[in-house]
Amino acid sequence: MTLGAGFFIRIIESGLLSGWDELTEEYKSPIELRFEKTHYTALGGVPVVFKIYRLGEFKRVAVAETDDPSPLAELLGVENFFAKKGNRVYLSATHVETLEELGVIPPAER
């Protein structure tokens, strides 16, 4: 059984999969996953580096590199919600939209 691109789009979009930022172009291309920009900030005094990606035409997802994800979890109002790998946490499209609305990350360029 093989899983289609739609399956991977949904699990990346939902924030349930870690490590997707390490996919090769061979796998990123069919699901239209493209690096957009890097954004540096601090939350609760903790440095955070957001690597923001486009997923398809309209969705954005991100990887947040931080030594302490608790200020990010508190800001988003959730606990234990992150897919993690090392010091990277994988943010869903909904998390990215919320961070845009709060002014933590810049809005998408149209």
PDB file of N, CA and C in Angstrom:
ATOM      1  N   MET A   1       0.846  -1.176   0.000  1.00  0.00           N
ATOM      2  CA  MET A   1       0.000   0.000   0.000  1.00  0.00           C
ATOM      3  C   MET A   1       0.894   1.243   0.000  1.00  0.00           C
ATOM      4  N   THR A   2       0.595   2.184  -0.846  1.00  0.00           N
ATOM      5  CA  THR A   2       1.321   3.448  -0.864  1.00  0.00           C
ATOM      6  C   THR A   2       0.380   4.560  -0.429  1.00  0.00           C
ATOM      7  N   LEU A   3       0.952   5.555   0.194  1.00  0.00           N
ATOM      8  CA  LEU A   3       0.171   6.694   0.656  1.00  0.00           C
ATOM      9  C   LEU A   3       0.364   7.840  -0.314  1.00  0.00           C
ATOM     10  N   GLY A   4      -0.725   8.499  -0.669  1.00  0.00           N
ATOM     11  CA  GLY A   4      -0.668   9.580  -1.632  1.00  0.00           C
ATOM     12  C   GLY A   4      -0.199  10.889  -1.032  1.00  0.00           C
ATOM     13  N   ALA A   5       0.042  11.839  -1.926  1.00  0.00           N
ATOM     14  CA  ALA A   5       0.509  13.162  -1.511  1.00  0.00           C
ATOM     15  C   ALA A   5      -0.494  13.837  -0.585  1.00  0.00           C
ATOM     16  N   GLY A   6      -1.788  13.628  -0.842  1.00  0.00           N
ATOM     17  CA  GLY A   6      -2.822  14.248  -0.017  1.00  0.00           C
ATOM     18  C   GLY A   6      -2.712  13.866   1.449  1.00  0.00           C
ATOM     19  N   PHE A   7      -2.344  12.616   1.702  1.00  0.00           N
ATOM     20  CA  PHE A   7      -2.165  12.145   3.074  1.00  0.00           C
ATOM     21  C   PHE A   7      -1.052  12.929   3.765  1.00  0.00           C
ATOM     22  N   PHE A   8       0.081  13.067   3.104  1.00  0.00           N
ATOM     23  CA  PHE A   8       1.211  13.787   3.697  1.00  0.00           C
ATOM     24  C   PHE A   8       0.903  15.267   3.873  1.00  0.00           C
ATOM     25  N   ILE A   9       0.185  15.847   2.937  1.00  0.00           N
ATOM     26  CA  ILE A   9      -0.212  17.252   3.073  1.00  0.00           C
ATOM     27  C   ILE A   9      -1.036  17.429   4.340  1.00  0.00           C
ATOM     28  N   ARG A  10      -1.999  16.548   4.564  1.00  0.00           N
ATOM     29  CA  ARG A  10      -2.881  16.660   5.730  1.00  0.00           C
ATOM     30  C   ARG A  10      -2.135  16.485   7.053  1.00  0.00           C
ATOM     31  N   ILE A  11      -1.215  15.521   7.124  1.00  0.00           N
ATOM     32  CA  ILE A  11      -0.541  15.332   8.414  1.00  0.00           C
ATOM     33  C   ILE A  11       0.494  16.429   8.679  1.00  0.00           C
ATOM     34  N   ILE A  12       1.105  16.965   7.636  1.00  0.00           N
ATOM     35  CA  ILE A  12       2.015  18.103   7.828  1.00  0.00           C
ATOM     36  C   ILE A  12       1.202  19.332   8.223  1.00  0.00           C
ATOM     37  N   GLU A  13       0.102  19.573   7.521  1.00  0.00           N
ATOM     38  CA  GLU A  13      -0.769  20.717   7.792  1.00  0.00           C
ATOM     39  C   GLU A  13      -1.313  20.681   9.218  1.00  0.00           C
ATOM     40  N   SER A  14      -1.555  19.489   9.738  1.00  0.00           N
ATOM     41  CA  SER A  14      -2.131  19.351  11.074  1.00  0.00           C
ATOM     42  C   SER A  14      -1.086  19.406  12.185  1.00  0.00           C
ATOM     43  N   GLY A  15       0.202  19.400  11.835  1.00  0.00           N
ATOM     44  CA  GLY A  15       1.259  19.469  12.838  1.00  0.00           C
ATOM     45  C   GLY A  15       1.562  18.149  13.517  1.00  0.00           C
ATOM     46  N   LEU A  16       1.141  17.038  12.920  1.00  0.00           N
ATOM     47  CA  LEU A  16       1.306  15.729  13.553  1.00  0.00           C
ATOM     48  C   LEU A  16       2.586  15.003  13.172  1.00  0.00           C
ATOM     49  N   LEU A  17       3.326  15.525  12.223  1.00  0.00           N
ATOM     50  CA  LEU A  17       4.510  14.827  11.722  1.00  0.00           C
ATOM     51  C   LEU A  17       5.762  15.647  11.998  1.00  0.00           C
ATOM     52  N   SER A  18       6.768  15.004  12.570  1.00  0.00           N
ATOM     53  CA  SER A  18       8.053  15.678  12.750  1.00  0.00           C
ATOM     54  C   SER A  18       9.004  15.228  11.651  1.00  0.00           C
ATOM     55  N   GLY A  19       9.996  16.051  11.372  1.00  0.00           N
ATOM     56  CA  GLY A  19      11.031  15.694  10.414  1.00  0.00           C
ATOM     57  C   GLY A  19      10.727  16.002   8.963  1.00  0.00           C
ATOM     58  N   TRP A  20       9.557  16.565   8.679  1.00  0.00           N
ATOM     59  CA  TRP A  20       9.215  16.815   7.272  1.00  0.00           C
ATOM     60  C   TRP A  20      10.129  17.855   6.630  1.00  0.00           C
ATOM     61  N   ASP A  21      10.763  18.688   7.428  1.00  0.00           N
ATOM     62  CA  ASP A  21      11.680  19.687   6.875  1.00  0.00           C
ATOM     63  C   ASP A  21      12.951  19.050   6.322  1.00  0.00           C
ATOM     64  N   GLU A  22      13.177  17.787   6.623  1.00  0.00           N
ATOM     65  CA  GLU A  22      14.352  17.076   6.130  1.00  0.00           C
ATOM     66  C   GLU A  22      14.075  16.294   4.846  1.00  0.00           C
ATOM     67  N   LEU A  23      12.853  16.368   4.349  1.00  0.00           N
ATOM     68  CA  LEU A  23      12.527  15.675   3.101  1.00  0.00           C
ATOM     69  C   LEU A  23      13.359  16.232   1.954  1.00  0.00           C
ATOM     70  N   THR A  24      13.695  15.387   1.013  1.00  0.00           N
ATOM     71  CA  THR A  24      14.408  15.842  -0.177  1.00  0.00           C
ATOM     72  C   THR A  24      13.415  16.470  -1.152  1.00  0.00           C
ATOM     73  N   GLU A  25      13.933  17.189  -2.128  1.00  0.00           N
ATOM     74  CA  GLU A  25      13.079  17.819  -3.142  1.00  0.00           C
ATOM     75  C   GLU A  25      12.190  16.798  -3.844  1.00  0.00           C
ATOM     76  N   GLU A  26      12.682  15.603  -3.986  1.00  0.00           N
ATOM     77  CA  GLU A  26      11.909  14.532  -4.626  1.00  0.00           C
ATOM     78  C   GLU A  26      10.562  14.337  -3.923  1.00  0.00           C
ATOM     79  N   TYR A  27      10.537  14.522  -2.606  1.00  0.00           N
ATOM     80  CA  TYR A  27       9.308  14.350  -1.836  1.00  0.00           C
ATOM     81  C   TYR A  27       8.585  15.668  -1.593  1.00  0.00           C
ATOM     82  N   LYS A  28       9.332  16.769  -1.505  1.00  0.00           N
ATOM     83  CA  LYS A  28       8.708  18.072  -1.268  1.00  0.00           C
ATOM     84  C   LYS A  28       7.924  18.561  -2.481  1.00  0.00           C
ATOM     85  N   SER A  29       8.439  18.303  -3.660  1.00  0.00           N
ATOM     86  CA  SER A  29       7.823  18.822  -4.877  1.00  0.00           C
ATOM     87  C   SER A  29       6.380  18.338  -5.082  1.00  0.00           C
ATOM     88  N   PRO A  30       6.082  17.043  -4.979  1.00  0.00           N
ATOM     89  CA  PRO A  30       4.707  16.591  -5.214  1.00  0.00           C
ATOM     90  C   PRO A  30       3.691  17.151  -4.216  1.00  0.00           C
ATOM     91  N   ILE A  31       4.143  17.485  -3.008  1.00  0.00           N
ATOM     92  CA  ILE A  31       3.205  18.035  -2.028  1.00  0.00           C
ATOM     93  C   ILE A  31       3.293  19.564  -1.962  1.00  0.00           C
ATOM     94  N   GLU A  32       4.049  20.135  -2.876  1.00  0.00           N
ATOM     95  CA  GLU A  32       4.184  21.588  -2.982  1.00  0.00           C
ATOM     96  C   GLU A  32       4.638  22.219  -1.664  1.00  0.00           C
ATOM     97  N   LEU A  33       5.669  21.640  -1.061  1.00  0.00           N
ATOM     98  CA  LEU A  33       6.255  22.153   0.173  1.00  0.00           C
ATOM     99  C   LEU A  33       7.497  22.949  -0.199  1.00  0.00           C
ATOM    100  N   ARG A  34       7.433  24.284   0.039  1.00  0.00           N
ATOM    101  CA  ARG A  34       8.521  25.171  -0.364  1.00  0.00           C
ATOM    102  C   ARG A  34       8.928  26.079   0.801  1.00  0.00           C
ATOM    103  N   PHE A  35      10.235  26.190   1.016  1.00  0.00           N
ATOM    104  CA  PHE A  35      10.738  27.101   2.046  1.00  0.00           C
ATOM    105  C   PHE A  35      10.400  28.530   1.644  1.00  0.00           C
ATOM    106  N   GLU A  36       9.906  29.307   2.605  1.00  0.00           N
ATOM    107  CA  GLU A  36       9.540  30.698   2.344  1.00  0.00           C
ATOM    108  C   GLU A  36      10.525  31.680   2.980  1.00  0.00           C
ATOM    109  N   LYS A  37      10.724  31.579   4.308  1.00  0.00           N
ATOM    110  CA  LYS A  37      11.608  32.536   4.986  1.00  0.00           C
ATOM    111  C   LYS A  37      11.949  32.052   6.387  1.00  0.00           C
ATOM    112  N   THR A  38      12.964  32.700   6.958  1.00  0.00           N
ATOM    113  CA  THR A  38      13.348  32.481   8.350  1.00  0.00           C
ATOM    114  C   THR A  38      13.029  33.752   9.121  1.00  0.00           C
ATOM    115  N   HIS A  39      12.457  33.586  10.309  1.00  0.00           N
ATOM    116  CA  HIS A  39      12.105  34.733  11.149  1.00  0.00           C
ATOM    117  C   HIS A  39      12.653  34.489  12.555  1.00  0.00           C
ATOM    118  N   TYR A  40      13.372  35.480  13.089  1.00  0.00           N
ATOM    119  CA  TYR A  40      13.981  35.385  14.418  1.00  0.00           C
ATOM    120  C   TYR A  40      13.195  36.240  15.398  1.00  0.00           C
ATOM    121  N   THR A  41      12.930  35.686  16.586  1.00  0.00           N
ATOM    122  CA  THR A  41      12.241  36.436  17.630  1.00  0.00           C
ATOM    123  C   THR A  41      12.578  35.816  18.982  1.00  0.00           C
ATOM    124  N   ALA A  42      12.001  36.371  20.039  1.00  0.00           N
ATOM    125  CA  ALA A  42      12.118  35.793  21.380  1.00  0.00           C
ATOM    126  C   ALA A  42      10.730  35.777  21.998  1.00  0.00           C
ATOM    127  N   LEU A  43      10.412  34.697  22.667  1.00  0.00           N
ATOM    128  CA  LEU A  43       9.138  34.569  23.371  1.00  0.00           C
ATOM    129  C   LEU A  43       9.448  34.299  24.833  1.00  0.00           C
ATOM    130  N   GLY A  44       8.972  35.169  25.704  1.00  0.00           N
ATOM    131  CA  GLY A  44       9.264  35.009  27.123  1.00  0.00           C
ATOM    132  C   GLY A  44      10.751  35.011  27.408  1.00  0.00           C
ATOM    133  N   GLY A  45      11.515  35.760  26.622  1.00  0.00           N
ATOM    134  CA  GLY A  45      12.956  35.828  26.789  1.00  0.00           C
ATOM    135  C   GLY A  45      13.714  34.659  26.187  1.00  0.00           C
ATOM    136  N   VAL A  46      12.997  33.743  25.556  1.00  0.00           N
ATOM    137  CA  VAL A  46      13.621  32.558  24.953  1.00  0.00           C
ATOM    138  C   VAL A  46      13.736  32.768  23.445  1.00  0.00           C
ATOM    139  N   PRO A  47      14.935  32.691  22.883  1.00  0.00           N
ATOM    140  CA  PRO A  47      15.087  32.845  21.430  1.00  0.00           C
ATOM    141  C   PRO A  47      14.354  31.734  20.665  1.00  0.00           C
ATOM    142  N   VAL A  48      13.703  32.141  19.582  1.00  0.00           N
ATOM    143  CA  VAL A  48      12.997  31.193  18.717  1.00  0.00           C
ATOM    144  C   VAL A  48      13.313  31.551  17.272  1.00  0.00           C
ATOM    145  N   VAL A  49      13.662  30.553  16.490  1.00  0.00           N
ATOM    146  CA  VAL A  49      13.880  30.728  15.057  1.00  0.00           C
ATOM    147  C   VAL A  49      12.760  29.986  14.346  1.00  0.00           C
ATOM    148  N   PHE A  50      11.954  30.725  13.590  1.00  0.00           N
ATOM    149  CA  PHE A  50      10.872  30.121  12.819  1.00  0.00           C
ATOM    150  C   PHE A  50      11.333  29.937  11.382  1.00  0.00           C
ATOM    151  N   LYS A  51      11.239  28.742  10.881  1.00  0.00           N
ATOM    152  CA  LYS A  51      11.471  28.469   9.464  1.00  0.00           C
ATOM    153  C   LYS A  51      10.094  28.208   8.872  1.00  0.00           C
ATOM    154  N   ILE A  52       9.678  29.122   8.017  1.00  0.00           N
ATOM    155  CA  ILE A  52       8.313  29.114   7.505  1.00  0.00           C
ATOM    156  C   ILE A  52       8.300  28.538   6.096  1.00  0.00           C
ATOM    157  N   TYR A  53       7.333  27.677   5.850  1.00  0.00           N
ATOM    158  CA  TYR A  53       7.200  26.989   4.566  1.00  0.00           C
ATOM    159  C   TYR A  53       5.803  27.196   4.008  1.00  0.00           C
ATOM    160  N   ARG A  54       5.712  27.194   2.692  1.00  0.00           N
ATOM    161  CA  ARG A  54       4.435  27.146   1.982  1.00  0.00           C
ATOM    162  C   ARG A  54       4.084  25.684   1.776  1.00  0.00           C
ATOM    163  N   LEU A  55       2.841  25.363   1.993  1.00  0.00           N
ATOM    164  CA  LEU A  55       2.330  24.022   1.740  1.00  0.00           C
ATOM    165  C   LEU A  55       1.157  24.185   0.792  1.00  0.00           C
ATOM    166  N   GLY A  56       1.395  23.912  -0.470  1.00  0.00           N
ATOM    167  CA  GLY A  56       0.376  24.188  -1.471  1.00  0.00           C
ATOM    168  C   GLY A  56       0.329  25.674  -1.760  1.00  0.00           C
ATOM    169  N   GLU A  57      -0.791  26.121  -2.273  1.00  0.00           N
ATOM    170  CA  GLU A  57      -0.903  27.522  -2.673  1.00  0.00           C
ATOM    171  C   GLU A  57      -1.224  28.461  -1.513  1.00  0.00           C
ATOM    172  N   PHE A  58      -2.002  27.988  -0.527  1.00  0.00           N
ATOM    173  CA  PHE A  58      -2.518  28.903   0.484  1.00  0.00           C
ATOM    174  C   PHE A  58      -2.063  28.642   1.915  1.00  0.00           C
ATOM    175  N   LYS A  59      -1.652  27.440   2.247  1.00  0.00           N
ATOM    176  CA  LYS A  59      -1.305  27.097   3.630  1.00  0.00           C
ATOM    177  C   LYS A  59       0.162  27.386   3.920  1.00  0.00           C
ATOM    178  N   ARG A  60       0.424  27.714   5.179  1.00  0.00           N
ATOM    179  CA  ARG A  60       1.795  27.880   5.652  1.00  0.00           C
ATOM    180  C   ARG A  60       1.961  27.024   6.900  1.00  0.00           C
ATOM    181  N   VAL A  61       3.102  26.393   7.016  1.00  0.00           N
ATOM    182  CA  VAL A  61       3.468  25.628   8.200  1.00  0.00           C
ATOM    183  C   VAL A  61       4.853  26.105   8.614  1.00  0.00           C
ATOM    184  N   ALA A  62       5.289  25.718   9.806  1.00  0.00           N
ATOM    185  CA  ALA A  62       6.589  26.207  10.265  1.00  0.00           C
ATOM    186  C   ALA A  62       7.258  25.209  11.197  1.00  0.00           C
ATOM    187  N   VAL A  63       8.561  25.367  11.276  1.00  0.00           N
ATOM    188  CA  VAL A  63       9.377  24.659  12.256  1.00  0.00           C
ATOM    189  C   VAL A  63       9.955  25.736  13.161  1.00  0.00           C
ATOM    190  N   ALA A  64       9.744  25.586  14.464  1.00  0.00           N
ATOM    191  CA  ALA A  64      10.303  26.528  15.435  1.00  0.00           C
ATOM    192  C   ALA A  64      11.471  25.853  16.134  1.00  0.00           C
ATOM    193  N   GLU A  65      12.634  26.466  16.041  1.00  0.00           N
ATOM    194  CA  GLU A  65      13.815  25.952  16.736  1.00  0.00           C
ATOM    195  C   GLU A  65      13.976  26.754  18.019  1.00  0.00           C
ATOM    196  N   THR A  66      13.898  26.055  19.156  1.00  0.00           N
ATOM    197  CA  THR A  66      13.983  26.708  20.458  1.00  0.00           C
ATOM    198  C   THR A  66      14.432  25.708  21.512  1.00  0.00           C
ATOM    199  N   ASP A  67      15.118  26.204  22.517  1.00  0.00           N
ATOM    200  CA  ASP A  67      15.532  25.341  23.619  1.00  0.00           C
ATOM    201  C   ASP A  67      14.408  25.117  24.620  1.00  0.00           C
ATOM    202  N   ASP A  68      13.378  25.970  24.577  1.00  0.00           N
ATOM    203  CA  ASP A  68      12.257  25.846  25.506  1.00  0.00           C
ATOM    204  C   ASP A  68      10.954  26.180  24.778  1.00  0.00           C
ATOM    205  N   PRO A  69      10.160  25.180  24.394  1.00  0.00           N
ATOM    206  CA  PRO A  69       8.918  25.448  23.671  1.00  0.00           C
ATOM    207  C   PRO A  69       7.764  25.912  24.559  1.00  0.00           C
ATOM    208  N   SER A  70       7.948  25.958  25.889  1.00  0.00           N
ATOM    209  CA  SER A  70       6.827  26.302  26.764  1.00  0.00           C
ATOM    210  C   SER A  70       6.264  27.712  26.536  1.00  0.00           C
ATOM    211  N   PRO A  71       7.076  28.768  26.281  1.00  0.00           N
ATOM    212  CA  PRO A  71       6.460  30.067  25.982  1.00  0.00           C
ATOM    213  C   PRO A  71       5.598  30.026  24.707  1.00  0.00           C
ATOM    214  N   LEU A  72       6.019  29.250  23.733  1.00  0.00           N
ATOM    215  CA  LEU A  72       5.248  29.110  22.499  1.00  0.00           C
ATOM    216  C   LEU A  72       3.937  28.385  22.777  1.00  0.00           C
ATOM    217  N   ALA A  73       3.993  27.311  23.556  1.00  0.00           N
ATOM    218  CA  ALA A  73       2.785  26.567  23.916  1.00  0.00           C
ATOM    219  C   ALA A  73       1.825  27.447  24.708  1.00  0.00           C
ATOM    220  N   GLU A  74       2.367  28.231  25.624  1.00  0.00           N
ATOM    221  CA  GLU A  74       1.536  29.132  26.424  1.00  0.00           C
ATOM    222  C   GLU A  74       0.884  30.194  25.543  1.00  0.00           C
ATOM    223  N   LEU A  75       1.640  30.760  24.632  1.00  0.00           N
ATOM    224  CA  LEU A  75       1.113  31.774  23.721  1.00  0.00           C
ATOM    225  C   LEU A  75      -0.038  31.224  22.883  1.00  0.00           C
ATOM    226  N   LEU A  76       0.107  29.984  22.433  1.00  0.00           N
ATOM    227  CA  LEU A  76      -0.927  29.358  21.606  1.00  0.00           C
ATOM    228  C   LEU A  76      -2.042  28.735  22.445  1.00  0.00           C
ATOM    229  N   GLY A  77      -1.856  28.701  23.761  1.00  0.00           N
ATOM    230  CA  GLY A  77      -2.896  28.190  24.653  1.00  0.00           C
ATOM    231  C   GLY A  77      -3.076  26.685  24.606  1.00  0.00           C
ATOM    232  N   VAL A  78      -1.995  25.971  24.407  1.00  0.00           N
ATOM    233  CA  VAL A  78      -2.078  24.511  24.329  1.00  0.00           C
ATOM    234  C   VAL A  78      -0.920  23.887  25.109  1.00  0.00           C
ATOM    235  N   GLU A  79      -1.079  22.611  25.443  1.00  0.00           N
ATOM    236  CA  GLU A  79      -0.010  21.881  26.127  1.00  0.00           C
ATOM    237  C   GLU A  79       0.277  20.599  25.364  1.00  0.00           C
ATOM    238  N   ASN A  80       1.522  20.215  25.331  1.00  0.00           N
ATOM    239  CA  ASN A  80       1.928  18.936  24.727  1.00  0.00           C
ATOM    240  C   ASN A  80       1.334  18.727  23.334  1.00  0.00           C
ATOM    241  N   PHE A  81       1.370  19.755  22.536  1.00  0.00           N
ATOM    242  CA  PHE A  81       0.725  19.677  21.225  1.00  0.00           C
ATOM    243  C   PHE A  81       1.703  19.540  20.081  1.00  0.00           C
ATOM    244  N   PHE A  82       2.968  19.618  20.352  1.00  0.00           N
ATOM    245  CA  PHE A  82       3.950  19.692  19.287  1.00  0.00           C
ATOM    246  C   PHE A  82       4.466  18.330  18.865  1.00  0.00           C
ATOM    247  N   ALA A  83       4.597  18.147  17.567  1.00  0.00           N
ATOM    248  CA  ALA A  83       5.457  17.074  17.071  1.00  0.00           C
ATOM    249  C   ALA A  83       6.864  17.639  17.225  1.00  0.00           C
ATOM    250  N   LYS A  84       7.771  16.877  17.808  1.00  0.00           N
ATOM    251  CA  LYS A  84       9.105  17.395  18.116  1.00  0.00           C
ATOM    252  C   LYS A  84      10.188  16.496  17.546  1.00  0.00           C
ATOM    253  N   LYS A  85      11.325  17.113  17.298  1.00  0.00           N
ATOM    254  CA  LYS A  85      12.535  16.381  16.930  1.00  0.00           C
ATOM    255  C   LYS A  85      13.705  17.235  17.386  1.00  0.00           C
ATOM    256  N   GLY A  86      14.405  16.786  18.414  1.00  0.00           N
ATOM    257  CA  GLY A  86      15.486  17.591  18.978  1.00  0.00           C
ATOM    258  C   GLY A  86      14.938  18.891  19.534  1.00  0.00           C
ATOM    259  N   ASN A  87      15.533  20.015  19.127  1.00  0.00           N
ATOM    260  CA  ASN A  87      15.057  21.318  19.598  1.00  0.00           C
ATOM    261  C   ASN A  87      14.076  21.960  18.612  1.00  0.00           C
ATOM    262  N   ARG A  88      13.549  21.156  17.696  1.00  0.00           N
ATOM    263  CA  ARG A  88      12.597  21.669  16.703  1.00  0.00           C
ATOM    264  C   ARG A  88      11.185  21.195  17.036  1.00  0.00           C
ATOM    265  N   VAL A  89      10.244  22.126  16.937  1.00  0.00           N
ATOM    266  CA  VAL A  89       8.831  21.785  17.088  1.00  0.00           C
ATOM    267  C   VAL A  89       8.133  22.129  15.779  1.00  0.00           C
ATOM    268  N   TYR A  90       7.199  21.299  15.400  1.00  0.00           N
ATOM    269  CA  TYR A  90       6.538  21.401  14.101  1.00  0.00           C
ATOM    270  C   TYR A  90       5.148  21.989  14.293  1.00  0.00           C
ATOM    271  N   LEU A  91       4.921  23.126  13.659  1.00  0.00           N
ATOM    272  CA  LEU A  91       3.693  23.883  13.852  1.00  0.00           C
ATOM    273  C   LEU A  91       2.713  23.652  12.712  1.00  0.00           C
ATOM    274  N   SER A  92       1.460  23.480  13.079  1.00  0.00           N
ATOM    275  CA  SER A  92       0.405  23.268  12.096  1.00  0.00           C
ATOM    276  C   SER A  92       0.075  24.572  11.369  1.00  0.00           C
ATOM    277  N   ALA A  93      -0.717  24.451  10.323  1.00  0.00           N
ATOM    278  CA  ALA A  93      -1.177  25.634   9.589  1.00  0.00           C
ATOM    279  C   ALA A  93      -1.998  26.539  10.504  1.00  0.00           C
ATOM    280  N   THR A  94      -2.787  25.953  11.393  1.00  0.00           N
ATOM    281  CA  THR A  94      -3.584  26.737  12.339  1.00  0.00           C
ATOM    282  C   THR A  94      -2.687  27.491  13.312  1.00  0.00           C
ATOM    283  N   HIS A  95      -1.629  26.848  13.802  1.00  0.00           N
ATOM    284  CA  HIS A  95      -0.682  27.530  14.695  1.00  0.00           C
ATOM    285  C   HIS A  95      -0.038  28.713  13.981  1.00  0.00           C
ATOM    286  N   VAL A  96       0.355  28.520  12.733  1.00  0.00           N
ATOM    287  CA  VAL A  96       0.998  29.594  11.969  1.00  0.00           C
ATOM    288  C   VAL A  96       0.032  30.758  11.770  1.00  0.00           C
ATOM    289  N   GLU A  97      -1.230  30.462  11.456  1.00  0.00           N
ATOM    290  CA  GLU A  97      -2.225  31.529  11.298  1.00  0.00           C
ATOM    291  C   GLU A  97      -2.375  32.320  12.595  1.00  0.00           C
ATOM    292  N   THR A  98      -2.422  31.620  13.720  1.00  0.00           N
ATOM    293  CA  THR A  98      -2.543  32.282  15.020  1.00  0.00           C
ATOM    294  C   THR A  98      -1.331  33.165  15.298  1.00  0.00           C
ATOM    295  N   LEU A  99      -0.137  32.656  15.025  1.00  0.00           N
ATOM    296  CA  LEU A  99       1.083  33.444  15.246  1.00  0.00           C
ATOM    297  C   LEU A  99       1.126  34.674  14.345  1.00  0.00           C
ATOM    298  N   GLU A 100       0.588  34.558  13.131  1.00  0.00           N
ATOM    299  CA  GLU A 100       0.479  35.725  12.244  1.00  0.00           C
ATOM    300  C   GLU A 100      -0.453  36.761  12.859  1.00  0.00           C
ATOM    301  N   GLU A 101      -1.631  36.304  13.313  1.00  0.00           N
ATOM    302  CA  GLU A 101      -2.622  37.214  13.891  1.00  0.00           C
ATOM    303  C   GLU A 101      -2.082  37.927  15.129  1.00  0.00           C
ATOM    304  N   LEU A 102      -1.247  37.233  15.905  1.00  0.00           N
ATOM    305  CA  LEU A 102      -0.661  37.816  17.113  1.00  0.00           C
ATOM    306  C   LEU A 102       0.560  38.689  16.815  1.00  0.00           C
ATOM    307  N   GLY A 103       0.996  38.707  15.563  1.00  0.00           N
ATOM    308  CA  GLY A 103       2.147  39.512  15.173  1.00  0.00           C
ATOM    309  C   GLY A 103       3.492  38.902  15.537  1.00  0.00           C
ATOM    310  N   VAL A 104       3.509  37.618  15.861  1.00  0.00           N
ATOM    311  CA  VAL A 104       4.758  36.945  16.223  1.00  0.00           C
ATOM    312  C   VAL A 104       5.589  36.642  14.985  1.00  0.00           C
ATOM    313  N   ILE A 105       4.925  36.247  13.922  1.00  0.00           N
ATOM    314  CA  ILE A 105       5.609  36.022  12.645  1.00  0.00           C
ATOM    315  C   ILE A 105       4.955  36.906  11.588  1.00  0.00           C
ATOM    316  N   PRO A 106       5.704  37.283  10.566  1.00  0.00           N
ATOM    317  CA  PRO A 106       5.144  38.162   9.533  1.00  0.00           C
ATOM    318  C   PRO A 106       4.086  37.431   8.710  1.00  0.00           C
ATOM    319  N   PRO A 107       3.112  38.185   8.204  1.00  0.00           N
ATOM    320  CA  PRO A 107       2.083  37.564   7.366  1.00  0.00           C
ATOM    321  C   PRO A 107       2.668  37.067   6.047  1.00  0.00           C
ATOM    322  N   ALA A 108       1.911  36.208   5.416  1.00  0.00           N
ATOM    323  CA  ALA A 108       2.326  35.662   4.121  1.00  0.00           C
ATOM    324  C   ALA A 108       2.405  36.777   3.093  1.00  0.00           C
ATOM    325  N   GLU A 109       3.368  36.651   2.215  1.00  0.00           N
ATOM    326  CA  GLU A 109       3.479  37.590   1.099  1.00  0.00           C
ATOM    327  C   GLU A 109       2.568  37.100  -0.006  1.00  0.00           C
ATOM    328  N   ARG A 110       1.752  37.959  -0.501  1.00  0.00           N
ATOM    329  CA  ARG A 110       0.783  37.560  -1.551  1.00  0.00           C
ATOM    330  C   ARG A 110       1.250  38.030  -2.886  1.00  0.00           C
TER     331      ARG A 110
END
